[in-house]
N, C-alpha and C. Protein backbone atom coordinates (compact mmCIF):
# COMPACT_ATOMS: atom_id res chain seq x y z
N MET A 1 37.24 67.79 84.62
CA MET A 1 37.16 66.36 84.38
C MET A 1 36.41 65.67 85.52
N LYS A 2 36.73 66.04 86.74
CA LYS A 2 36.06 65.45 87.90
C LYS A 2 34.57 65.79 87.90
N ARG A 3 34.29 67.02 87.50
CA ARG A 3 32.90 67.47 87.50
C ARG A 3 32.07 66.68 86.49
N ASP A 4 32.63 66.40 85.32
CA ASP A 4 31.91 65.62 84.31
C ASP A 4 31.61 64.22 84.82
N ALA A 5 32.57 63.61 85.49
CA ALA A 5 32.36 62.27 86.03
C ALA A 5 31.28 62.29 87.10
N LEU A 6 31.25 63.33 87.91
CA LEU A 6 30.23 63.45 88.95
C LEU A 6 28.84 63.66 88.34
N GLN A 7 28.76 64.48 87.29
CA GLN A 7 27.48 64.70 86.64
C GLN A 7 26.98 63.42 85.97
N THR A 8 27.89 62.67 85.38
CA THR A 8 27.51 61.39 84.76
C THR A 8 27.01 60.42 85.82
N ALA A 9 27.68 60.38 86.95
CA ALA A 9 27.25 59.49 88.04
C ALA A 9 25.89 59.91 88.56
N ASN A 10 25.65 61.21 88.68
CA ASN A 10 24.35 61.69 89.15
C ASN A 10 23.25 61.35 88.16
N ARG A 11 23.53 61.46 86.85
CA ARG A 11 22.53 61.11 85.85
C ARG A 11 22.19 59.62 85.92
N LYS A 12 23.21 58.78 86.09
CA LYS A 12 22.96 57.34 86.20
C LYS A 12 22.14 57.03 87.45
N TRP A 13 22.43 57.71 88.55
CA TRP A 13 21.69 57.50 89.79
C TRP A 13 20.23 57.92 89.62
N ASP A 14 20.00 59.06 88.95
CA ASP A 14 18.63 59.53 88.71
C ASP A 14 17.86 58.55 87.83
N LEU A 15 18.53 58.02 86.80
CA LEU A 15 17.88 57.04 85.94
C LEU A 15 17.55 55.77 86.71
N MET A 16 18.43 55.36 87.60
CA MET A 16 18.18 54.16 88.39
C MET A 16 17.00 54.39 89.34
N ASN A 17 16.95 55.55 89.97
CA ASN A 17 15.82 55.86 90.84
C ASN A 17 14.52 55.88 90.05
N LYS A 18 14.55 56.44 88.84
CA LYS A 18 13.35 56.48 88.00
C LYS A 18 12.92 55.06 87.63
N ARG A 19 13.89 54.21 87.34
CA ARG A 19 13.57 52.83 86.97
C ARG A 19 12.95 52.08 88.15
N VAL A 20 13.49 52.29 89.34
CA VAL A 20 12.93 51.62 90.53
C VAL A 20 11.53 52.12 90.82
N LYS A 21 11.32 53.43 90.72
CA LYS A 21 9.99 53.99 90.94
C LYS A 21 8.98 53.45 89.92
N ASN A 22 9.38 53.41 88.66
CA ASN A 22 8.48 52.89 87.62
C ASN A 22 8.18 51.41 87.85
N THR A 23 9.16 50.65 88.30
CA THR A 23 8.95 49.23 88.55
C THR A 23 7.96 49.01 89.68
N ILE A 24 8.12 49.74 90.77
CA ILE A 24 7.20 49.60 91.90
C ILE A 24 5.79 50.03 91.50
N LEU A 25 5.70 51.15 90.79
CA LEU A 25 4.40 51.64 90.35
C LEU A 25 3.74 50.67 89.37
N GLY A 26 4.51 50.14 88.44
CA GLY A 26 3.96 49.18 87.48
C GLY A 26 3.48 47.91 88.15
N THR A 27 4.22 47.44 89.14
CA THR A 27 3.81 46.24 89.88
C THR A 27 2.48 46.47 90.58
N LEU A 28 2.36 47.60 91.26
CA LEU A 28 1.12 47.90 91.98
C LEU A 28 -0.06 48.11 91.03
N VAL A 29 0.17 48.81 89.95
CA VAL A 29 -0.92 49.09 89.01
C VAL A 29 -1.40 47.81 88.34
N PHE A 30 -0.46 46.97 87.90
CA PHE A 30 -0.87 45.72 87.26
C PHE A 30 -1.59 44.82 88.25
N GLY A 31 -1.14 44.78 89.49
CA GLY A 31 -1.84 43.99 90.51
C GLY A 31 -3.24 44.50 90.75
N PHE A 32 -3.40 45.82 90.82
CA PHE A 32 -4.72 46.42 91.03
C PHE A 32 -5.64 46.13 89.85
N ILE A 33 -5.11 46.23 88.64
CA ILE A 33 -5.91 45.93 87.45
C ILE A 33 -6.35 44.47 87.48
N GLY A 34 -5.45 43.56 87.86
CA GLY A 34 -5.81 42.15 87.98
C GLY A 34 -6.91 41.93 89.01
N TYR A 35 -6.84 42.65 90.12
CA TYR A 35 -7.86 42.55 91.16
C TYR A 35 -9.21 43.00 90.64
N VAL A 36 -9.24 44.16 89.98
CA VAL A 36 -10.50 44.72 89.48
C VAL A 36 -11.10 43.82 88.40
N VAL A 37 -10.28 43.36 87.48
CA VAL A 37 -10.79 42.53 86.38
C VAL A 37 -11.32 41.20 86.92
N SER A 38 -10.57 40.57 87.84
CA SER A 38 -11.06 39.30 88.38
C SER A 38 -12.32 39.50 89.22
N TYR A 39 -12.44 40.63 89.90
CA TYR A 39 -13.66 40.92 90.66
C TYR A 39 -14.85 41.13 89.73
N LEU A 40 -14.63 41.85 88.63
CA LEU A 40 -15.72 42.10 87.69
C LEU A 40 -16.16 40.84 86.97
N LEU A 41 -15.23 39.97 86.64
CA LEU A 41 -15.57 38.76 85.89
C LEU A 41 -16.18 37.67 86.77
N ASP A 42 -15.64 37.47 87.98
CA ASP A 42 -16.08 36.36 88.83
C ASP A 42 -16.96 36.77 90.00
N GLY A 43 -16.91 38.02 90.39
CA GLY A 43 -17.67 38.45 91.55
C GLY A 43 -16.84 38.43 92.82
N ASN A 44 -15.75 37.73 92.82
CA ASN A 44 -14.80 37.76 93.93
C ASN A 44 -13.40 37.69 93.33
N PRO A 45 -12.42 38.34 93.95
CA PRO A 45 -11.09 38.40 93.36
C PRO A 45 -10.37 37.04 93.42
N ASP A 46 -9.75 36.69 92.33
CA ASP A 46 -8.93 35.50 92.25
C ASP A 46 -7.48 35.93 92.49
N TRP A 47 -6.90 35.51 93.60
CA TRP A 47 -5.60 36.01 94.01
C TRP A 47 -4.48 35.50 93.12
N ASN A 48 -4.70 34.38 92.45
CA ASN A 48 -3.69 33.92 91.49
C ASN A 48 -3.54 34.89 90.33
N VAL A 49 -4.66 35.45 89.88
CA VAL A 49 -4.63 36.44 88.80
C VAL A 49 -3.94 37.71 89.29
N VAL A 50 -4.25 38.13 90.50
CA VAL A 50 -3.66 39.36 91.04
C VAL A 50 -2.15 39.21 91.16
N ILE A 51 -1.69 38.10 91.70
CA ILE A 51 -0.25 37.88 91.87
C ILE A 51 0.43 37.74 90.51
N GLY A 52 -0.22 37.06 89.59
CA GLY A 52 0.34 36.92 88.25
C GLY A 52 0.46 38.25 87.53
N GLN A 53 -0.54 39.08 87.65
CA GLN A 53 -0.49 40.40 87.03
C GLN A 53 0.59 41.27 87.68
N ALA A 54 0.74 41.17 88.99
CA ALA A 54 1.79 41.94 89.68
C ALA A 54 3.17 41.50 89.20
N ILE A 55 3.37 40.20 89.05
CA ILE A 55 4.66 39.70 88.54
C ILE A 55 4.88 40.18 87.11
N ALA A 56 3.83 40.15 86.29
CA ALA A 56 3.94 40.63 84.92
C ALA A 56 4.31 42.12 84.89
N GLY A 57 3.70 42.92 85.75
CA GLY A 57 4.04 44.34 85.82
C GLY A 57 5.48 44.56 86.24
N PHE A 58 5.95 43.76 87.18
CA PHE A 58 7.34 43.87 87.61
C PHE A 58 8.29 43.55 86.47
N LEU A 59 8.05 42.45 85.78
CA LEU A 59 8.93 42.06 84.68
C LEU A 59 8.90 43.08 83.55
N LEU A 60 7.72 43.60 83.26
CA LEU A 60 7.58 44.57 82.19
C LEU A 60 8.37 45.85 82.49
N TYR A 61 8.17 46.40 83.67
CA TYR A 61 8.79 47.68 83.99
C TYR A 61 10.24 47.55 84.44
N ALA A 62 10.66 46.40 84.93
CA ALA A 62 12.04 46.24 85.38
C ALA A 62 12.98 45.83 84.26
N PHE A 63 12.49 45.03 83.30
CA PHE A 63 13.39 44.48 82.31
C PHE A 63 13.01 44.79 80.86
N ILE A 64 11.76 44.62 80.51
CA ILE A 64 11.37 44.70 79.10
C ILE A 64 11.36 46.14 78.59
N LEU A 65 10.67 47.04 79.27
CA LEU A 65 10.58 48.42 78.79
C LEU A 65 11.95 49.13 78.77
N PRO A 66 12.81 48.97 79.79
CA PRO A 66 14.14 49.60 79.67
C PRO A 66 14.95 49.05 78.50
N ALA A 67 14.84 47.76 78.21
CA ALA A 67 15.57 47.19 77.07
C ALA A 67 15.04 47.76 75.77
N TRP A 68 13.72 47.92 75.64
CA TRP A 68 13.14 48.52 74.44
C TRP A 68 13.57 49.97 74.28
N ALA A 69 13.59 50.70 75.38
CA ALA A 69 14.00 52.10 75.31
C ALA A 69 15.46 52.22 74.87
N LYS A 70 16.31 51.36 75.40
CA LYS A 70 17.72 51.39 75.02
C LYS A 70 17.88 51.02 73.55
N ARG A 71 17.13 50.03 73.09
CA ARG A 71 17.20 49.60 71.70
C ARG A 71 16.74 50.71 70.76
N ASN A 72 15.62 51.36 71.10
CA ASN A 72 15.11 52.44 70.26
C ASN A 72 16.06 53.63 70.24
N LYS A 73 16.71 53.89 71.35
CA LYS A 73 17.68 54.98 71.41
C LYS A 73 18.84 54.70 70.47
N ASN A 74 19.29 53.43 70.44
CA ASN A 74 20.39 53.07 69.55
C ASN A 74 19.96 53.10 68.09
N ILE A 75 18.72 52.73 67.80
CA ILE A 75 18.23 52.75 66.42
C ILE A 75 18.12 54.18 65.91
N LYS A 76 17.62 55.09 66.74
CA LYS A 76 17.47 56.49 66.33
C LYS A 76 18.82 57.16 66.11
N ARG A 77 19.83 56.73 66.86
CA ARG A 77 21.15 57.34 66.74
C ARG A 77 21.79 57.00 65.41
N GLY A 78 21.49 55.85 64.86
CA GLY A 78 22.04 55.47 63.57
C GLY A 78 23.31 54.65 63.71
N PRO A 79 23.78 54.11 62.61
CA PRO A 79 24.94 53.21 62.67
C PRO A 79 26.25 53.93 62.95
N TYR A 80 26.31 55.22 62.71
CA TYR A 80 27.55 55.95 62.91
C TYR A 80 27.56 56.82 64.14
N GLY A 81 26.56 56.69 65.00
CA GLY A 81 26.54 57.41 66.25
C GLY A 81 26.19 58.88 66.14
N LYS A 82 25.42 59.25 65.12
CA LYS A 82 25.07 60.66 64.93
C LYS A 82 24.03 61.10 65.92
């Protein structure tokens, strides 16, 4: 019984670490994409676009994608938990 609780706790910790890593990576990638796009369009980077894209990446990877994944997991399981 103790071992199952420990394994469950370890799985939750691993998922949390994965979520934090994905959030940081998504924030950096979206910011970089904003930098490149604003540089290509204007010739010099617009920092408002870069910061906005970084915030969008953070929100997407921290809140939206995990909620979608949880929702899809529940839909695939079915109404009776199969």
